[in-house]
């Protein structure tokens, strides 16, 4: 099973992050084989890290939550609190092979559906397919956030674009967004974690 895990930084925890960064990176390295994507999420201007995010495979929720509990940043007091959702991707990529350009920046959108919204499944599926094809070169990943009983709660998307204006334009074209199906939307900067950035030459 795939999971979306978001762990939040404690405000002004920069010194603690510096202290535990090596342990954090070593911890993530242990999960390389099962990691789909991982990296920090940031303010939209990309100047301040807000926490850690990863899309990762585990056998069940208990294993995913245990993974969170053993995160060195959390144990060291640099982070506190997490959200854990099942994850069902609409795209086939991982950090190893996703579309990406060296001069681009990344953003993450997490949007939760409003309840009791009417959706025309067939028409929306067709619109979604056209949307995914149109933004193929920018789309790192996109998929559904789900409960443990596989009810769809929202979507999560990570994109690789020239700038925030391109991110805004891409989001405005999203079929779900155009139909005003979301109750809440969180729009972050994002970047690849150091362990999982193929543009960095690792020793």
C-alpha atoms as a PDB file:
ATOM      1  CA  UNK A   1       0.000   0.000   0.000  1.00  0.00           C
ATOM      2  CA  UNK A   2       1.147   3.519  -0.746  1.00  0.00           C
ATOM      3  CA  UNK A   3       0.910   6.319   1.803  1.00  0.00           C
ATOM      4  CA  UNK A   4       1.208  10.098   1.757  1.00  0.00           C
ATOM      5  CA  UNK A   5       2.933  11.254   4.941  1.00  0.00           C
ATOM      6  CA  UNK A   6       3.304  14.898   5.898  1.00  0.00           C
ATOM      7  CA  UNK A   7       5.216  15.774   9.099  1.00  0.00           C
ATOM      8  CA  UNK A   8       5.162  19.360  10.353  1.00  0.00           C
ATOM      9  CA  UNK A   9       8.132  21.418  11.520  1.00  0.00           C
ATOM     10  CA  UNK A  10       8.038  23.058  14.936  1.00  0.00           C
ATOM     11  CA  UNK A  11       8.285  26.864  14.418  1.00  0.00           C
ATOM     12  CA  UNK A  12      11.837  28.245  14.690  1.00  0.00           C
ATOM     13  CA  UNK A  13      13.297  24.737  14.777  1.00  0.00           C
ATOM     14  CA  UNK A  14      16.159  25.529  12.379  1.00  0.00           C
ATOM     15  CA  UNK A  15      18.946  24.792  14.888  1.00  0.00           C
ATOM     16  CA  UNK A  16      17.364  21.436  15.747  1.00  0.00           C
ATOM     17  CA  UNK A  17      17.002  20.584  12.082  1.00  0.00           C
ATOM     18  CA  UNK A  18      20.703  21.323  11.590  1.00  0.00           C
ATOM     19  CA  UNK A  19      21.541  19.129  14.576  1.00  0.00           C
ATOM     20  CA  UNK A  20      19.517  16.118  13.385  1.00  0.00           C
ATOM     21  CA  UNK A  21      19.826  16.535   9.597  1.00  0.00           C
ATOM     22  CA  UNK A  22      22.461  13.810   9.174  1.00  0.00           C
ATOM     23  CA  UNK A  23      20.360  11.362  11.180  1.00  0.00           C
ATOM     24  CA  UNK A  24      17.264  12.339   9.183  1.00  0.00           C
ATOM     25  CA  UNK A  25      18.987  11.764   5.840  1.00  0.00           C
ATOM     26  CA  UNK A  26      20.424   8.441   7.007  1.00  0.00           C
ATOM     27  CA  UNK A  27      16.959   7.372   8.163  1.00  0.00           C
ATOM     28  CA  UNK A  28      15.371   8.204   4.815  1.00  0.00           C
ATOM     29  CA  UNK A  29      18.154   6.365   3.005  1.00  0.00           C
ATOM     30  CA  UNK A  30      17.046   3.138   4.699  1.00  0.00           C
ATOM     31  CA  UNK A  31      13.690   3.423   2.919  1.00  0.00           C
ATOM     32  CA  UNK A  32      15.071   4.180  -0.538  1.00  0.00           C
ATOM     33  CA  UNK A  33      13.605   1.076  -2.210  1.00  0.00           C
ATOM     34  CA  UNK A  34      10.043   1.785  -1.072  1.00  0.00           C
ATOM     35  CA  UNK A  35      10.085   5.562  -1.460  1.00  0.00           C
ATOM     36  CA  UNK A  36       8.172   7.000  -4.419  1.00  0.00           C
ATOM     37  CA  UNK A  37       8.915  10.677  -3.639  1.00  0.00           C
ATOM     38  CA  UNK A  38      10.283  12.511  -0.633  1.00  0.00           C
ATOM     39  CA  UNK A  39      11.216  16.086   0.151  1.00  0.00           C
ATOM     40  CA  UNK A  40      10.423  19.130   2.264  1.00  0.00           C
ATOM     41  CA  UNK A  41       7.325  21.239   1.663  1.00  0.00           C
ATOM     42  CA  UNK A  42       7.802  24.998   1.906  1.00  0.00           C
ATOM     43  CA  UNK A  43       6.073  28.360   1.847  1.00  0.00           C
ATOM     44  CA  UNK A  44       4.909  29.355  -1.639  1.00  0.00           C
ATOM     45  CA  UNK A  45       7.873  31.707  -2.024  1.00  0.00           C
ATOM     46  CA  UNK A  46      10.084  28.671  -1.302  1.00  0.00           C
ATOM     47  CA  UNK A  47      12.093  30.498   1.375  1.00  0.00           C
ATOM     48  CA  UNK A  48      10.967  28.609   4.505  1.00  0.00           C
ATOM     49  CA  UNK A  49      10.643  24.867   5.081  1.00  0.00           C
ATOM     50  CA  UNK A  50       7.409  23.860   6.800  1.00  0.00           C
ATOM     51  CA  UNK A  51       7.966  20.139   7.183  1.00  0.00           C
ATOM     52  CA  UNK A  52       8.744  16.832   5.510  1.00  0.00           C
ATOM     53  CA  UNK A  53       6.632  15.041   2.935  1.00  0.00           C
ATOM     54  CA  UNK A  54       6.951  11.577   1.443  1.00  0.00           C
ATOM     55  CA  UNK A  55       4.990   9.205  -0.779  1.00  0.00           C
ATOM     56  CA  UNK A  56       6.068   5.772   0.323  1.00  0.00           C
ATOM     57  CA  UNK A  57       5.018   2.117   0.367  1.00  0.00           C
ATOM     58  CA  UNK A  58       4.239   0.192   3.554  1.00  0.00           C
ATOM     59  CA  UNK A  59       2.273  -3.011   4.211  1.00  0.00           C
ATOM     60  CA  UNK A  60      -0.286  -1.211   6.385  1.00  0.00           C
ATOM     61  CA  UNK A  61      -1.067   1.936   8.397  1.00  0.00           C
ATOM     62  CA  UNK A  62       0.659   0.583  11.510  1.00  0.00           C
ATOM     63  CA  UNK A  63       3.962   0.353   9.616  1.00  0.00           C
ATOM     64  CA  UNK A  64       3.479   3.848   8.174  1.00  0.00           C
ATOM     65  CA  UNK A  65       2.797   5.319  11.615  1.00  0.00           C
ATOM     66  CA  UNK A  66       5.796   3.487  13.092  1.00  0.00           C
ATOM     67  CA  UNK A  67       7.917   5.052  10.358  1.00  0.00           C
ATOM     68  CA  UNK A  68       6.728   8.488  11.464  1.00  0.00           C
ATOM     69  CA  UNK A  69       7.338   7.759  15.142  1.00  0.00           C
ATOM     70  CA  UNK A  70      10.991   6.904  14.469  1.00  0.00           C
ATOM     71  CA  UNK A  71      11.715   9.998  12.347  1.00  0.00           C
ATOM     72  CA  UNK A  72      14.856  11.633  13.861  1.00  0.00           C
ATOM     73  CA  UNK A  73      13.490  15.164  13.373  1.00  0.00           C
ATOM     74  CA  UNK A  74      10.401  14.233  15.381  1.00  0.00           C
ATOM     75  CA  UNK A  75      12.384  12.420  18.083  1.00  0.00           C
ATOM     76  CA  UNK A  76      14.732  15.406  18.361  1.00  0.00           C
ATOM     77  CA  UNK A  77      11.911  17.925  18.742  1.00  0.00           C
ATOM     78  CA  UNK A  78      12.303  19.642  15.356  1.00  0.00           C
ATOM     79  CA  UNK A  79       8.954  18.283  14.163  1.00  0.00           C
ATOM     80  CA  UNK A  80       5.566  17.612  15.741  1.00  0.00           C
ATOM     81  CA  UNK A  81       2.384  16.106  14.325  1.00  0.00           C
ATOM     82  CA  UNK A  82       1.700  14.325  11.045  1.00  0.00           C
ATOM     83  CA  UNK A  83      -1.021  13.428   8.553  1.00  0.00           C
ATOM     84  CA  UNK A  84      -1.085   9.939   7.032  1.00  0.00           C
ATOM     85  CA  UNK A  85      -3.359   9.039   4.099  1.00  0.00           C
ATOM     86  CA  UNK A  86      -3.557   6.119   1.717  1.00  0.00           C
ATOM     87  CA  UNK A  87      -2.288   7.188  -1.696  1.00  0.00           C
ATOM     88  CA  UNK A  88      -3.438   6.016  -5.148  1.00  0.00           C
ATOM     89  CA  UNK A  89      -1.365   7.622  -7.933  1.00  0.00           C
ATOM     90  CA  UNK A  90      -2.774   8.432 -11.378  1.00  0.00           C
ATOM     91  CA  UNK A  91       0.757   8.657 -12.806  1.00  0.00           C
ATOM     92  CA  UNK A  92       3.447   5.954 -13.025  1.00  0.00           C
ATOM     93  CA  UNK A  93       6.480   7.955 -11.893  1.00  0.00           C
ATOM     94  CA  UNK A  94       8.823   7.910  -8.933  1.00  0.00           C
ATOM     95  CA  UNK A  95      11.670  10.295  -8.100  1.00  0.00           C
ATOM     96  CA  UNK A  96      13.880   8.097 -10.279  1.00  0.00           C
ATOM     97  CA  UNK A  97      12.136   8.753 -13.596  1.00  0.00           C
ATOM     98  CA  UNK A  98       9.631  11.619 -13.291  1.00  0.00           C
ATOM     99  CA  UNK A  99       9.492  14.518 -15.791  1.00  0.00           C
ATOM    100  CA  UNK A 100      11.790  17.268 -14.551  1.00  0.00           C
ATOM    101  CA  UNK A 101      13.891  20.178 -15.812  1.00  0.00           C
ATOM    102  CA  UNK A 102      16.981  21.534 -14.079  1.00  0.00           C
ATOM    103  CA  UNK A 103      15.825  25.145 -14.336  1.00  0.00           C
ATOM    104  CA  UNK A 104      12.346  24.439 -12.923  1.00  0.00           C
ATOM    105  CA  UNK A 105      10.960  24.617  -9.379  1.00  0.00           C
ATOM    106  CA  UNK A 106       8.476  22.330  -7.669  1.00  0.00           C
ATOM    107  CA  UNK A 107       5.139  22.911  -5.950  1.00  0.00           C
ATOM    108  CA  UNK A 108       2.744  20.631  -4.072  1.00  0.00           C
ATOM    109  CA  UNK A 109      -1.037  20.956  -3.999  1.00  0.00           C
ATOM    110  CA  UNK A 110      -3.142  19.073  -1.482  1.00  0.00           C
ATOM    111  CA  UNK A 111      -6.898  19.564  -1.893  1.00  0.00           C
ATOM    112  CA  UNK A 112      -9.679  17.872   0.081  1.00  0.00           C
ATOM    113  CA  UNK A 113     -13.098  17.312  -1.449  1.00  0.00           C
ATOM    114  CA  UNK A 114     -16.217  18.941  -0.073  1.00  0.00           C
ATOM    115  CA  UNK A 115     -18.870  16.455   0.991  1.00  0.00           C
ATOM    116  CA  UNK A 116     -21.944  15.655  -1.076  1.00  0.00           C
ATOM    117  CA  UNK A 117     -20.675  17.059  -4.343  1.00  0.00           C
ATOM    118  CA  UNK A 118     -22.238  15.703  -7.544  1.00  0.00           C
ATOM    119  CA  UNK A 119     -19.616  14.268  -9.904  1.00  0.00           C
ATOM    120  CA  UNK A 120     -20.214  12.814 -13.375  1.00  0.00           C
ATOM    121  CA  UNK A 121     -17.602  10.014 -13.235  1.00  0.00           C
ATOM    122  CA  UNK A 122     -17.296   9.228 -16.953  1.00  0.00           C
ATOM    123  CA  UNK A 123     -17.133  12.842 -18.144  1.00  0.00           C
ATOM    124  CA  UNK A 124     -14.749  13.820 -15.362  1.00  0.00           C
ATOM    125  CA  UNK A 125     -12.474  10.850 -16.110  1.00  0.00           C
ATOM    126  CA  UNK A 126     -12.246  11.959 -19.740  1.00  0.00           C
ATOM    127  CA  UNK A 127     -11.461  15.542 -18.716  1.00  0.00           C
ATOM    128  CA  UNK A 128      -8.855  14.289 -16.269  1.00  0.00           C
ATOM    129  CA  UNK A 129      -7.132  12.194 -18.949  1.00  0.00           C
ATOM    130  CA  UNK A 130      -6.912  15.211 -21.262  1.00  0.00           C
ATOM    131  CA  UNK A 131      -5.593  17.319 -18.400  1.00  0.00           C
ATOM    132  CA  UNK A 132      -2.872  14.811 -17.493  1.00  0.00           C
ATOM    133  CA  UNK A 133      -1.801  14.575 -21.143  1.00  0.00           C
ATOM    134  CA  UNK A 134      -1.703  18.363 -21.579  1.00  0.00           C
ATOM    135  CA  UNK A 135       0.611  18.850 -18.595  1.00  0.00           C
ATOM    136  CA  UNK A 136       2.646  15.682 -19.015  1.00  0.00           C
ATOM    137  CA  UNK A 137       5.999  17.485 -18.957  1.00  0.00           C
ATOM    138  CA  UNK A 138       5.189  19.368 -15.736  1.00  0.00           C
ATOM    139  CA  UNK A 139       3.465  16.598 -13.799  1.00  0.00           C
ATOM    140  CA  UNK A 140       5.755  14.845 -11.325  1.00  0.00           C
ATOM    141  CA  UNK A 141       2.866  12.962  -9.744  1.00  0.00           C
ATOM    142  CA  UNK A 142      -0.859  13.240  -9.096  1.00  0.00           C
ATOM    143  CA  UNK A 143      -3.255  10.940  -7.304  1.00  0.00           C
ATOM    144  CA  UNK A 144      -5.986  10.400  -4.743  1.00  0.00           C
ATOM    145  CA  UNK A 145      -5.713  10.718  -0.989  1.00  0.00           C
ATOM    146  CA  UNK A 146      -7.861   8.016   0.606  1.00  0.00           C
ATOM    147  CA  UNK A 147      -9.077   6.713   3.937  1.00  0.00           C
ATOM    148  CA  UNK A 148      -8.104   3.227   5.099  1.00  0.00           C
ATOM    149  CA  UNK A 149     -11.409   1.901   3.699  1.00  0.00           C
ATOM    150  CA  UNK A 150     -10.445   3.391   0.302  1.00  0.00           C
ATOM    151  CA  UNK A 151     -12.884   6.290   0.264  1.00  0.00           C
ATOM    152  CA  UNK A 152     -11.467   9.155  -1.792  1.00  0.00           C
ATOM    153  CA  UNK A 153     -10.859  12.210   0.410  1.00  0.00           C
ATOM    154  CA  UNK A 154      -8.916  14.492  -1.909  1.00  0.00           C
ATOM    155  CA  UNK A 155      -6.045  14.760  -4.360  1.00  0.00           C
ATOM    156  CA  UNK A 156      -2.347  15.492  -4.085  1.00  0.00           C
ATOM    157  CA  UNK A 157      -0.218  16.785  -6.924  1.00  0.00           C
ATOM    158  CA  UNK A 158       3.490  17.625  -7.220  1.00  0.00           C
ATOM    159  CA  UNK A 159       4.508  19.635 -10.268  1.00  0.00           C
ATOM    160  CA  UNK A 160       7.753  20.832 -11.882  1.00  0.00           C
ATOM    161  CA  UNK A 161       7.249  24.250 -13.490  1.00  0.00           C
ATOM    162  CA  UNK A 162       9.202  27.367 -14.505  1.00  0.00           C
ATOM    163  CA  UNK A 163       7.583  29.542 -11.817  1.00  0.00           C
ATOM    164  CA  UNK A 164       4.548  30.020  -9.577  1.00  0.00           C
ATOM    165  CA  UNK A 165       2.565  31.621 -12.413  1.00  0.00           C
ATOM    166  CA  UNK A 166       2.824  28.362 -14.365  1.00  0.00           C
ATOM    167  CA  UNK A 167       1.766  26.461 -11.228  1.00  0.00           C
ATOM    168  CA  UNK A 168      -1.300  28.681 -10.858  1.00  0.00           C
ATOM    169  CA  UNK A 169      -2.240  28.195 -14.500  1.00  0.00           C
ATOM    170  CA  UNK A 170      -1.895  24.437 -14.242  1.00  0.00           C
ATOM    171  CA  UNK A 171      -4.034  24.307 -11.108  1.00  0.00           C
ATOM    172  CA  UNK A 172      -6.730  26.470 -12.686  1.00  0.00           C
ATOM    173  CA  UNK A 173      -7.049  23.848 -15.455  1.00  0.00           C
ATOM    174  CA  UNK A 174      -7.485  20.934 -13.054  1.00  0.00           C
ATOM    175  CA  UNK A 175     -10.889  19.315 -13.828  1.00  0.00           C
ATOM    176  CA  UNK A 176     -11.795  18.917 -10.154  1.00  0.00           C
ATOM    177  CA  UNK A 177     -10.776  22.470  -9.349  1.00  0.00           C
ATOM    178  CA  UNK A 178     -12.751  23.907 -12.283  1.00  0.00           C
ATOM    179  CA  UNK A 179     -15.870  22.262 -10.882  1.00  0.00           C
ATOM    180  CA  UNK A 180     -15.309  23.723  -7.398  1.00  0.00           C
ATOM    181  CA  UNK A 181     -15.246  20.281  -5.798  1.00  0.00           C
ATOM    182  CA  UNK A 182     -12.754  21.123  -3.052  1.00  0.00           C
ATOM    183  CA  UNK A 183     -13.481  22.350   0.429  1.00  0.00           C
ATOM    184  CA  UNK A 184      -9.864  23.137   1.311  1.00  0.00           C
ATOM    185  CA  UNK A 185      -6.690  23.597  -0.736  1.00  0.00           C
ATOM    186  CA  UNK A 186      -3.110  23.795   0.518  1.00  0.00           C
ATOM    187  CA  UNK A 187      -0.581  25.130  -1.970  1.00  0.00           C
ATOM    188  CA  UNK A 188       3.089  24.715  -1.015  1.00  0.00           C
ATOM    189  CA  UNK A 189       6.514  25.039  -2.466  1.00  0.00           C
ATOM    190  CA  UNK A 190       8.242  21.644  -2.589  1.00  0.00           C
ATOM    191  CA  UNK A 191      11.645  20.291  -3.473  1.00  0.00           C
ATOM    192  CA  UNK A 192      13.316  16.928  -3.804  1.00  0.00           C
ATOM    193  CA  UNK A 193      14.961  15.620  -0.659  1.00  0.00           C
ATOM    194  CA  UNK A 194      18.724  15.467  -0.814  1.00  0.00           C
ATOM    195  CA  UNK A 195      18.773  11.668  -0.685  1.00  0.00           C
ATOM    196  CA  UNK A 196      16.302  11.432  -3.578  1.00  0.00           C
ATOM    197  CA  UNK A 197      17.491  14.214  -5.876  1.00  0.00           C
ATOM    198  CA  UNK A 198      18.960  12.582  -8.970  1.00  0.00           C
ATOM    199  CA  UNK A 199      20.428  15.930 -10.061  1.00  0.00           C
ATOM    200  CA  UNK A 200      22.739  15.867  -7.038  1.00  0.00           C
ATOM    201  CA  UNK A 201      25.876  13.751  -7.276  1.00  0.00           C
ATOM    202  CA  UNK A 202      25.793  11.580  -4.138  1.00  0.00           C
ATOM    203  CA  UNK A 203      28.972  10.174  -2.737  1.00  0.00           C
END
